[in-house]
Amino acid sequence: MQYKVEFRPSVLKSMKHLLKRDLVRIKKRINALSGKLPASNMTKMKGENPFHKIRSGDYRIIYEIHDDRLVILVLKIGHRKDVYKNLPARW
């Protein structure tokens, strides 16, 4: 089953500031994610939140899975040193 990928507006804005080589790598990871979801126990973030994460080099992609609508909502993309700062409990 194919999931549709949606982006928060802030993610699209932050992607404009990435280097082209990093952006290409991130887009490949997101496209692979929409085709086949990795095991949820491997990507689920710790704590009482619905977030998942995947690595793309030094960058992390934070997302939520909405199984009822078959949507992957990308919430944040950033460098690993500061992507986890200021994550809310729920978006």
Protein backbone atom coordinates (compact mmCIF):
# COMPACT_ATOMS: atom_id res chain seq x y z
CA MET A 1 0.00 0.00 0.00
CA GLN A 2 1.36 3.38 -1.07
CA TYR A 3 1.45 6.24 1.43
CA LYS A 4 1.18 9.86 0.34
CA VAL A 5 3.85 12.21 1.71
CA GLU A 6 2.81 15.64 2.94
CA PHE A 7 5.07 18.39 4.27
CA ARG A 8 4.46 21.11 6.83
CA PRO A 9 5.11 24.56 5.29
CA SER A 10 8.04 25.12 7.66
CA VAL A 11 9.73 21.97 6.29
CA LEU A 12 9.50 23.21 2.71
CA LYS A 13 11.01 26.51 3.82
CA SER A 14 13.89 24.83 5.65
CA MET A 15 14.64 22.58 2.66
CA LYS A 16 15.48 25.66 0.57
CA HIS A 17 18.52 26.28 2.75
CA LEU A 18 20.07 22.81 2.37
CA LEU A 19 22.95 21.96 0.09
CA LYS A 20 21.91 20.28 -3.14
CA ARG A 21 23.72 17.01 -2.36
CA ASP A 22 22.00 16.78 1.04
CA LEU A 23 18.64 17.67 -0.47
CA VAL A 24 18.94 14.92 -3.11
CA ARG A 25 19.79 12.35 -0.42
CA ILE A 26 16.88 13.47 1.78
CA LYS A 27 14.41 13.31 -1.11
CA LYS A 28 15.53 9.76 -1.91
CA ARG A 29 14.94 8.71 1.71
CA ILE A 30 11.48 10.28 1.73
CA ASN A 31 10.52 8.64 -1.56
CA ALA A 32 11.70 5.26 -0.26
CA LEU A 33 9.70 5.87 2.90
CA SER A 34 6.47 6.40 0.98
CA GLY A 35 6.90 3.13 -0.91
CA LYS A 36 7.60 0.91 2.07
CA LEU A 37 7.50 1.96 5.69
CA PRO A 38 10.33 0.66 7.89
CA ALA A 39 9.42 -1.30 11.00
CA SER A 40 7.76 1.06 13.43
CA ASN A 41 9.77 -0.24 16.40
CA MET A 42 12.97 0.80 14.60
CA THR A 43 11.92 4.38 13.81
CA LYS A 44 9.66 5.33 16.73
CA MET A 45 11.08 8.07 18.93
CA LYS A 46 11.23 7.55 22.68
CA GLY A 47 8.59 9.06 24.93
CA GLU A 48 4.89 9.65 24.75
CA ASN A 49 4.75 11.11 21.26
CA PRO A 50 3.64 9.89 17.83
CA PHE A 51 6.89 10.84 16.07
CA HIS A 52 9.17 8.66 13.99
CA LYS A 53 12.63 9.48 12.64
CA ILE A 54 14.97 8.32 9.91
CA ARG A 55 18.58 9.21 9.16
CA SER A 56 19.88 10.76 6.00
CA GLY A 57 23.59 11.41 6.50
CA ASP A 58 23.94 14.08 9.19
CA TYR A 59 20.29 15.05 8.81
CA ARG A 60 17.21 13.63 10.49
CA ILE A 61 13.67 13.48 9.11
CA ILE A 62 10.95 13.64 11.79
CA TYR A 63 7.53 12.45 10.67
CA GLU A 64 4.13 11.12 11.77
CA ILE A 65 2.23 8.22 10.23
CA HIS A 66 -1.52 8.62 9.72
CA ASP A 67 -2.68 5.10 8.87
CA ASP A 68 -6.34 6.08 8.61
CA ARG A 69 -5.60 8.41 5.65
CA LEU A 70 -2.44 6.63 4.36
CA VAL A 71 -0.40 9.81 4.88
CA ILE A 72 3.13 10.40 6.10
CA LEU A 73 3.37 13.94 7.45
CA VAL A 74 6.95 15.26 7.49
CA LEU A 75 7.19 17.59 10.48
CA LYS A 76 10.81 18.62 10.60
CA ILE A 77 14.08 18.14 8.72
CA GLY A 78 17.31 19.32 10.24
CA HIS A 79 20.88 18.64 11.22
CA ARG A 80 21.24 16.01 13.91
CA LYS A 81 22.74 18.47 16.41
CA ASP A 82 19.61 20.59 16.70
CA VAL A 83 16.65 18.87 15.04
CA TYR A 84 15.34 17.50 18.34
CA LYS A 85 15.25 20.88 20.09
CA ASN A 86 11.81 22.36 20.68
CA LEU A 87 9.84 19.33 19.48
CA PRO A 88 6.33 19.60 20.92
CA ALA A 89 4.60 16.63 22.53
CA ARG A 90 2.09 16.69 19.67
CA TRP A 91 1.92 18.69 16.45
